[in-house]
């Protein structure tokens, strides 16, 4: 492979990684999770940070004892957080493949840790591509 072909290859790799990163970034704003308690009387939505973004309480839930209502909220929030993590992993898988998911499927890492890893991986890939382009530019000069 000559220098021109190597440079073209490095540029294509860099552009592809940039395209994937941009697609993933635009998709992140859409990632939410929904969950409900077992009865469906309490339903919540969470954003990327895990914070509540929407809450629905069926009027029948007001008949529950206060502790039961609190437990319903906790269960709905846990379900919504798990749903959000699943949707986040799916968005990541669609953008980058399965490489960044190792260790994530057991739920042992937070969304912030996942996003940090994805950002670092993307930055490292872009840095490597730029280094390769610079190396090839020097060889061609």
N, C-alpha and C. Protein backbone atom coordinates (compact mmCIF):
# COMPACT_ATOMS: atom_id res chain seq x y z
N UNK A 1 0.85 -1.17 0.00
CA UNK A 1 0.00 0.00 0.00
C UNK A 1 0.90 1.24 0.00
N UNK A 2 0.66 2.15 -0.92
CA UNK A 2 1.50 3.35 -0.98
C UNK A 2 0.98 4.42 0.00
N UNK A 3 1.75 5.50 0.12
CA UNK A 3 1.43 6.55 1.09
C UNK A 3 0.06 7.17 0.85
N UNK A 4 -0.28 7.38 -0.40
CA UNK A 4 -1.56 7.99 -0.73
C UNK A 4 -2.72 7.10 -0.28
N UNK A 5 -2.58 5.80 -0.51
CA UNK A 5 -3.63 4.87 -0.09
C UNK A 5 -3.73 4.81 1.44
N UNK A 6 -2.58 4.84 2.11
CA UNK A 6 -2.59 4.84 3.57
C UNK A 6 -3.28 6.08 4.11
N UNK A 7 -3.00 7.21 3.52
CA UNK A 7 -3.63 8.46 3.94
C UNK A 7 -5.13 8.41 3.71
N UNK A 8 -5.54 7.92 2.56
CA UNK A 8 -6.97 7.79 2.26
C UNK A 8 -7.65 6.87 3.27
N UNK A 9 -7.01 5.76 3.59
CA UNK A 9 -7.56 4.81 4.55
C UNK A 9 -7.70 5.46 5.92
N UNK A 10 -6.68 6.17 6.37
CA UNK A 10 -6.72 6.84 7.67
C UNK A 10 -7.81 7.90 7.69
N UNK A 11 -7.95 8.63 6.61
CA UNK A 11 -9.00 9.65 6.53
C UNK A 11 -10.39 9.03 6.57
N UNK A 12 -10.57 7.92 5.86
CA UNK A 12 -11.87 7.23 5.86
C UNK A 12 -12.20 6.73 7.26
N UNK A 13 -11.20 6.15 7.94
CA UNK A 13 -11.42 5.66 9.30
C UNK A 13 -11.81 6.80 10.23
N UNK A 14 -11.12 7.91 10.12
CA UNK A 14 -11.40 9.07 10.96
C UNK A 14 -12.80 9.61 10.67
N UNK A 15 -13.16 9.72 9.41
CA UNK A 15 -14.48 10.23 9.04
C UNK A 15 -15.59 9.29 9.52
N UNK A 16 -15.35 7.99 9.41
CA UNK A 16 -16.35 7.02 9.85
C UNK A 16 -16.55 7.09 11.36
N UNK A 17 -15.47 7.18 12.09
CA UNK A 17 -15.57 7.30 13.54
C UNK A 17 -16.26 8.60 13.93
N UNK A 18 -15.95 9.66 13.25
CA UNK A 18 -16.60 10.94 13.53
C UNK A 18 -18.09 10.86 13.22
N UNK A 19 -18.45 10.22 12.13
CA UNK A 19 -19.87 10.05 11.77
C UNK A 19 -20.60 9.25 12.85
N UNK A 20 -19.98 8.16 13.30
CA UNK A 20 -20.60 7.34 14.34
C UNK A 20 -20.77 8.12 15.64
N UNK A 21 -19.75 8.88 16.00
CA UNK A 21 -19.81 9.67 17.24
C UNK A 21 -20.91 10.72 17.15
N UNK A 22 -21.05 11.37 16.01
CA UNK A 22 -22.09 12.38 15.84
C UNK A 22 -23.48 11.75 15.88
N UNK A 23 -23.64 10.60 15.24
CA UNK A 23 -24.93 9.92 15.25
C UNK A 23 -25.30 9.51 16.68
N UNK A 24 -24.33 8.99 17.40
CA UNK A 24 -24.58 8.59 18.78
C UNK A 24 -24.93 9.81 19.63
N UNK A 25 -24.19 10.87 19.48
CA UNK A 25 -24.43 12.09 20.26
C UNK A 25 -25.84 12.62 20.01
N UNK A 26 -26.27 12.62 18.77
CA UNK A 26 -27.61 13.14 18.47
C UNK A 26 -28.68 12.21 19.05
N UNK A 27 -28.40 10.95 19.11
CA UNK A 27 -29.36 9.98 19.65
C UNK A 27 -29.48 10.09 21.17
N UNK A 28 -28.40 10.52 21.84
CA UNK A 28 -28.41 10.59 23.30
C UNK A 28 -29.52 11.48 23.83
N UNK A 29 -29.80 12.56 23.14
CA UNK A 29 -30.84 13.48 23.62
C UNK A 29 -32.21 12.83 23.64
N UNK A 30 -32.37 11.76 22.89
CA UNK A 30 -33.65 11.07 22.81
C UNK A 30 -33.78 9.92 23.79
N UNK A 31 -32.69 9.54 24.46
CA UNK A 31 -32.71 8.35 25.31
C UNK A 31 -33.41 8.67 26.63
N UNK A 32 -34.50 7.98 26.86
CA UNK A 32 -35.22 8.04 28.13
C UNK A 32 -35.62 6.63 28.50
N UNK A 33 -35.98 6.46 29.73
CA UNK A 33 -36.46 5.16 30.19
C UNK A 33 -37.82 5.31 30.82
N UNK A 34 -38.66 4.31 30.64
CA UNK A 34 -39.99 4.31 31.23
C UNK A 34 -40.11 3.08 32.12
N UNK A 35 -40.83 3.26 33.21
CA UNK A 35 -41.05 2.14 34.11
C UNK A 35 -42.30 2.37 34.94
N UNK A 36 -42.81 1.27 35.47
CA UNK A 36 -43.99 1.37 36.32
C UNK A 36 -43.87 0.36 37.45
N UNK A 37 -44.70 0.54 38.46
CA UNK A 37 -44.74 -0.45 39.52
C UNK A 37 -45.51 -1.66 38.98
N UNK A 38 -45.59 -2.72 39.77
CA UNK A 38 -46.23 -3.95 39.30
C UNK A 38 -47.70 -3.75 38.93
N UNK A 39 -48.37 -2.85 39.62
CA UNK A 39 -49.79 -2.63 39.36
C UNK A 39 -50.04 -1.69 38.18
N UNK A 40 -49.01 -0.93 37.78
CA UNK A 40 -49.17 0.05 36.72
C UNK A 40 -49.79 1.35 37.19
N UNK A 41 -50.00 1.48 38.49
CA UNK A 41 -50.63 2.69 39.02
C UNK A 41 -49.66 3.87 39.06
N UNK A 42 -48.37 3.58 39.16
CA UNK A 42 -47.35 4.63 39.18
C UNK A 42 -46.43 4.39 37.99
N UNK A 43 -46.30 5.39 37.13
CA UNK A 43 -45.44 5.30 35.96
C UNK A 43 -44.52 6.50 35.95
N UNK A 44 -43.24 6.25 35.66
CA UNK A 44 -42.27 7.35 35.62
C UNK A 44 -41.40 7.23 34.38
N UNK A 45 -40.83 8.35 34.00
CA UNK A 45 -39.82 8.41 32.94
C UNK A 45 -38.58 9.04 33.55
N UNK A 46 -37.43 8.55 33.11
CA UNK A 46 -36.16 9.10 33.58
C UNK A 46 -35.34 9.53 32.38
N UNK A 47 -34.53 10.56 32.61
CA UNK A 47 -33.61 11.03 31.59
C UNK A 47 -32.28 10.32 31.70
N UNK A 48 -31.34 10.76 30.92
CA UNK A 48 -30.03 10.12 30.85
C UNK A 48 -29.32 10.08 32.19
N UNK A 49 -29.51 11.08 33.02
CA UNK A 49 -28.85 11.12 34.32
C UNK A 49 -29.53 10.22 35.34
N UNK A 50 -30.70 9.69 35.01
CA UNK A 50 -31.45 8.86 35.94
C UNK A 50 -32.48 9.65 36.72
N UNK A 51 -32.49 10.97 36.54
CA UNK A 51 -33.48 11.81 37.23
C UNK A 51 -34.85 11.70 36.58
N UNK A 52 -35.87 11.92 37.38
CA UNK A 52 -37.24 11.85 36.88
C UNK A 52 -37.51 12.96 35.87
N UNK A 53 -38.12 12.59 34.77
CA UNK A 53 -38.51 13.59 33.77
C UNK A 53 -40.02 13.66 33.60
N UNK A 54 -40.72 12.61 34.05
CA UNK A 54 -42.17 12.60 33.96
C UNK A 54 -42.71 11.60 34.99
N UNK A 55 -43.86 11.91 35.55
CA UNK A 55 -44.50 11.05 36.55
C UNK A 55 -45.99 11.01 36.26
N UNK A 56 -46.54 9.80 36.31
CA UNK A 56 -47.99 9.64 36.21
C UNK A 56 -48.43 8.80 37.41
N UNK A 57 -49.44 9.29 38.12
CA UNK A 57 -50.00 8.56 39.25
C UNK A 57 -51.49 8.37 38.97
N UNK A 58 -51.88 7.12 38.80
CA UNK A 58 -53.29 6.81 38.62
C UNK A 58 -54.03 7.23 39.89
N UNK A 59 -55.18 7.86 39.77
CA UNK A 59 -55.91 8.28 40.97
C UNK A 59 -56.17 7.14 41.96
N UNK A 60 -56.30 5.92 41.46
CA UNK A 60 -56.52 4.78 42.36
C UNK A 60 -55.32 4.55 43.28
N UNK A 61 -54.13 5.03 42.88
CA UNK A 61 -52.94 4.84 43.72
C UNK A 61 -53.05 5.63 45.02
N UNK A 62 -53.89 6.65 45.04
CA UNK A 62 -54.04 7.46 46.25
C UNK A 62 -54.72 6.68 47.37
N UNK A 63 -55.29 5.54 47.05
CA UNK A 63 -55.90 4.69 48.07
C UNK A 63 -54.87 3.82 48.77
N UNK A 64 -53.66 3.76 48.22
CA UNK A 64 -52.61 2.93 48.81
C UNK A 64 -52.12 3.55 50.12
N UNK A 65 -51.64 2.69 50.99
CA UNK A 65 -50.97 3.18 52.20
C UNK A 65 -49.73 3.96 51.78
N UNK A 66 -49.32 4.92 52.57
CA UNK A 66 -48.19 5.78 52.19
C UNK A 66 -46.93 4.97 51.89
N UNK A 67 -46.64 3.95 52.68
CA UNK A 67 -45.44 3.14 52.43
C UNK A 67 -45.57 2.35 51.13
N UNK A 68 -46.77 1.86 50.84
CA UNK A 68 -47.00 1.14 49.58
C UNK A 68 -46.84 2.07 48.39
N UNK A 69 -47.31 3.31 48.52
CA UNK A 69 -47.16 4.28 47.44
C UNK A 69 -45.68 4.62 47.25
N UNK A 70 -44.96 4.79 48.35
CA UNK A 70 -43.52 5.06 48.26
C UNK A 70 -42.80 3.90 47.58
N UNK A 71 -43.17 2.67 47.95
CA UNK A 71 -42.56 1.49 47.32
C UNK A 71 -42.88 1.43 45.83
N UNK A 72 -44.10 1.84 45.46
CA UNK A 72 -44.49 1.85 44.05
C UNK A 72 -43.62 2.83 43.27
N UNK A 73 -43.35 4.00 43.85
CA UNK A 73 -42.47 4.97 43.19
C UNK A 73 -41.06 4.41 43.05
N UNK A 74 -40.55 3.78 44.09
CA UNK A 74 -39.20 3.21 44.03
C UNK A 74 -39.11 2.15 42.94
N UNK A 75 -40.10 1.27 42.91
CA UNK A 75 -40.09 0.20 41.91
C UNK A 75 -40.20 0.78 40.49
N UNK A 76 -41.07 1.75 40.31
CA UNK A 76 -41.22 2.38 38.99
C UNK A 76 -39.92 3.06 38.57
N UNK A 77 -39.26 3.73 39.50
CA UNK A 77 -38.00 4.41 39.18
C UNK A 77 -36.92 3.40 38.83
N UNK A 78 -36.84 2.30 39.57
CA UNK A 78 -35.86 1.26 39.26
C UNK A 78 -36.11 0.68 37.87
N UNK A 79 -37.36 0.42 37.56
CA UNK A 79 -37.70 -0.14 36.24
C UNK A 79 -37.36 0.86 35.13
N UNK A 80 -37.64 2.13 35.36
CA UNK A 80 -37.34 3.15 34.35
C UNK A 80 -35.84 3.32 34.16
N UNK A 81 -35.09 3.27 35.24
CA UNK A 81 -33.63 3.38 35.15
C UNK A 81 -33.05 2.21 34.37
N UNK A 82 -33.54 1.01 34.63
CA UNK A 82 -33.08 -0.16 33.89
C UNK A 82 -33.44 -0.04 32.41
N UNK A 83 -34.64 0.43 32.13
CA UNK A 83 -35.06 0.62 30.74
C UNK A 83 -34.18 1.65 30.05
N UNK A 84 -33.85 2.74 30.74
CA UNK A 84 -32.98 3.76 30.16
C UNK A 84 -31.60 3.18 29.88
N UNK A 85 -31.05 2.40 30.81
CA UNK A 85 -29.74 1.79 30.58
C UNK A 85 -29.78 0.85 29.38
N UNK A 86 -30.85 0.08 29.25
CA UNK A 86 -30.98 -0.81 28.10
C UNK A 86 -31.04 -0.02 26.79
N UNK A 87 -31.79 1.07 26.79
CA UNK A 87 -31.90 1.91 25.59
C UNK A 87 -30.58 2.59 25.26
N UNK A 88 -29.86 3.00 26.30
CA UNK A 88 -28.55 3.62 26.11
C UNK A 88 -27.57 2.62 25.50
N UNK A 89 -27.57 1.40 26.01
CA UNK A 89 -26.68 0.38 25.46
C UNK A 89 -27.05 0.05 24.02
N UNK A 90 -28.34 0.03 23.72
CA UNK A 90 -28.78 -0.24 22.34
C UNK A 90 -28.33 0.88 21.41
N UNK A 91 -28.45 2.12 21.85
CA UNK A 91 -27.99 3.25 21.04
C UNK A 91 -26.49 3.16 20.81
N UNK A 92 -25.76 2.80 21.85
CA UNK A 92 -24.30 2.66 21.73
C UNK A 92 -23.95 1.51 20.79
N UNK A 93 -24.67 0.41 20.92
CA UNK A 93 -24.42 -0.76 20.06
C UNK A 93 -24.67 -0.40 18.60
N UNK A 94 -25.75 0.33 18.35
CA UNK A 94 -26.07 0.73 16.98
C UNK A 94 -25.00 1.66 16.41
N UNK A 95 -24.45 2.51 17.26
CA UNK A 95 -23.45 3.48 16.78
C UNK A 95 -22.07 2.88 16.64
N UNK A 96 -21.64 2.09 17.62
CA UNK A 96 -20.24 1.66 17.66
C UNK A 96 -20.03 0.16 17.61
N UNK A 97 -21.07 -0.64 17.68
CA UNK A 97 -20.89 -2.07 17.78
C UNK A 97 -20.81 -2.49 19.24
N UNK A 98 -20.47 -3.73 19.49
CA UNK A 98 -20.48 -4.28 20.84
C UNK A 98 -19.20 -4.04 21.62
N UNK A 99 -18.17 -3.46 21.02
CA UNK A 99 -16.87 -3.35 21.69
C UNK A 99 -16.92 -2.63 23.02
N UNK A 100 -17.71 -1.58 23.14
CA UNK A 100 -17.73 -0.79 24.36
C UNK A 100 -18.65 -1.36 25.43
N UNK A 101 -19.35 -2.44 25.11
CA UNK A 101 -20.34 -2.96 26.05
C UNK A 101 -19.80 -3.98 27.04
N UNK A 102 -18.60 -4.45 26.88
CA UNK A 102 -18.10 -5.49 27.76
C UNK A 102 -18.17 -5.01 29.21
N UNK A 103 -18.74 -5.82 30.06
CA UNK A 103 -18.87 -5.46 31.46
C UNK A 103 -20.09 -4.62 31.79
N UNK A 104 -20.83 -4.18 30.78
CA UNK A 104 -21.97 -3.30 31.04
C UNK A 104 -23.28 -4.07 31.21
N UNK A 105 -23.36 -5.24 30.65
CA UNK A 105 -24.64 -5.93 30.62
C UNK A 105 -25.12 -6.38 31.99
N UNK A 106 -24.21 -6.49 32.96
CA UNK A 106 -24.64 -6.91 34.30
C UNK A 106 -25.13 -5.74 35.14
N UNK A 107 -25.12 -4.54 34.59
CA UNK A 107 -25.62 -3.37 35.31
C UNK A 107 -24.70 -2.87 36.41
N UNK A 108 -23.45 -3.29 36.39
CA UNK A 108 -22.53 -2.90 37.46
C UNK A 108 -21.94 -1.51 37.27
N UNK A 109 -22.24 -0.86 36.15
CA UNK A 109 -21.67 0.47 35.90
C UNK A 109 -22.79 1.45 35.62
N UNK A 110 -22.57 2.67 36.04
CA UNK A 110 -23.59 3.71 35.88
C UNK A 110 -23.58 4.26 34.46
N UNK A 111 -24.66 4.92 34.06
CA UNK A 111 -24.68 5.56 32.74
C UNK A 111 -23.55 6.58 32.58
N UNK A 112 -23.22 7.30 33.65
CA UNK A 112 -22.13 8.28 33.57
C UNK A 112 -20.80 7.59 33.26
N UNK A 113 -20.57 6.43 33.87
CA UNK A 113 -19.34 5.68 33.58
C UNK A 113 -19.34 5.21 32.12
N UNK A 114 -20.48 4.73 31.65
CA UNK A 114 -20.59 4.29 30.26
C UNK A 114 -20.32 5.45 29.31
N UNK A 115 -20.94 6.59 29.58
CA UNK A 115 -20.73 7.75 28.71
C UNK A 115 -19.28 8.20 28.74
N UNK A 116 -18.67 8.18 29.91
CA UNK A 116 -17.26 8.54 30.01
C UNK A 116 -16.38 7.61 29.20
N UNK A 117 -16.65 6.31 29.29
CA UNK A 117 -15.88 5.34 28.50
C UNK A 117 -16.08 5.56 27.01
N UNK A 118 -17.32 5.81 26.61
CA UNK A 118 -17.59 6.03 25.19
C UNK A 118 -16.90 7.29 24.70
N UNK A 119 -16.93 8.35 25.52
CA UNK A 119 -16.26 9.59 25.13
C UNK A 119 -14.76 9.36 25.00
N UNK A 120 -14.16 8.68 25.99
CA UNK A 120 -12.72 8.43 25.93
C UNK A 120 -12.35 7.55 24.74
N UNK A 121 -13.17 6.54 24.46
CA UNK A 121 -12.90 5.67 23.31
C UNK A 121 -12.99 6.44 22.01
N UNK A 122 -14.01 7.28 21.90
CA UNK A 122 -14.16 8.09 20.69
C UNK A 122 -13.00 9.05 20.53
N UNK A 123 -12.63 9.72 21.62
CA UNK A 123 -11.50 10.66 21.56
C UNK A 123 -10.21 9.94 21.22
N UNK A 124 -10.00 8.76 21.80
CA UNK A 124 -8.78 8.00 21.51
C UNK A 124 -8.74 7.59 20.04
N UNK A 125 -9.89 7.16 19.51
CA UNK A 125 -9.95 6.79 18.10
C UNK A 125 -9.68 7.97 17.19
N UNK A 126 -10.25 9.10 17.52
CA UNK A 126 -10.00 10.30 16.72
C UNK A 126 -8.54 10.74 16.83
N UNK A 127 -7.99 10.69 18.05
CA UNK A 127 -6.58 11.05 18.23
C UNK A 127 -5.67 10.13 17.43
N UNK A 128 -5.97 8.82 17.47
CA UNK A 128 -5.15 7.87 16.72
C UNK A 128 -5.25 8.14 15.22
N UNK A 129 -6.45 8.45 14.75
CA UNK A 129 -6.62 8.75 13.33
C UNK A 129 -5.86 10.01 12.94
N UNK A 130 -5.95 11.03 13.77
CA UNK A 130 -5.22 12.27 13.49
C UNK A 130 -3.71 12.06 13.54
N UNK A 131 -3.24 11.25 14.48
CA UNK A 131 -1.81 10.92 14.55
C UNK A 131 -1.36 10.21 13.28
N UNK A 132 -2.19 9.28 12.82
CA UNK A 132 -1.85 8.54 11.60
C UNK A 132 -1.84 9.47 10.39
N UNK A 133 -2.79 10.37 10.32
CA UNK A 133 -2.83 11.34 9.22
C UNK A 133 -1.58 12.21 9.25
N UNK A 134 -1.21 12.67 10.43
CA UNK A 134 0.00 13.51 10.56
C UNK A 134 1.25 12.73 10.16
N UNK A 135 1.33 11.46 10.61
CA UNK A 135 2.48 10.62 10.26
C UNK A 135 2.56 10.45 8.74
N UNK A 136 1.43 10.22 8.10
CA UNK A 136 1.42 10.04 6.65
C UNK A 136 1.72 11.36 5.93
N UNK A 137 1.24 12.46 6.47
CA UNK A 137 1.53 13.76 5.87
C UNK A 137 3.03 14.02 5.87
N UNK A 138 3.67 13.69 6.99
CA UNK A 138 5.13 13.88 7.07
C UNK A 138 5.87 13.00 6.08
N UNK A 139 5.38 11.77 5.92
CA UNK A 139 6.03 10.86 4.97
C UNK A 139 5.88 11.36 3.55
N UNK A 140 4.75 11.99 3.26
CA UNK A 140 4.50 12.47 1.90
C UNK A 140 5.24 13.78 1.61
N UNK A 141 5.64 14.50 2.64
CA UNK A 141 6.32 15.79 2.45
C UNK A 141 7.74 15.62 2.02
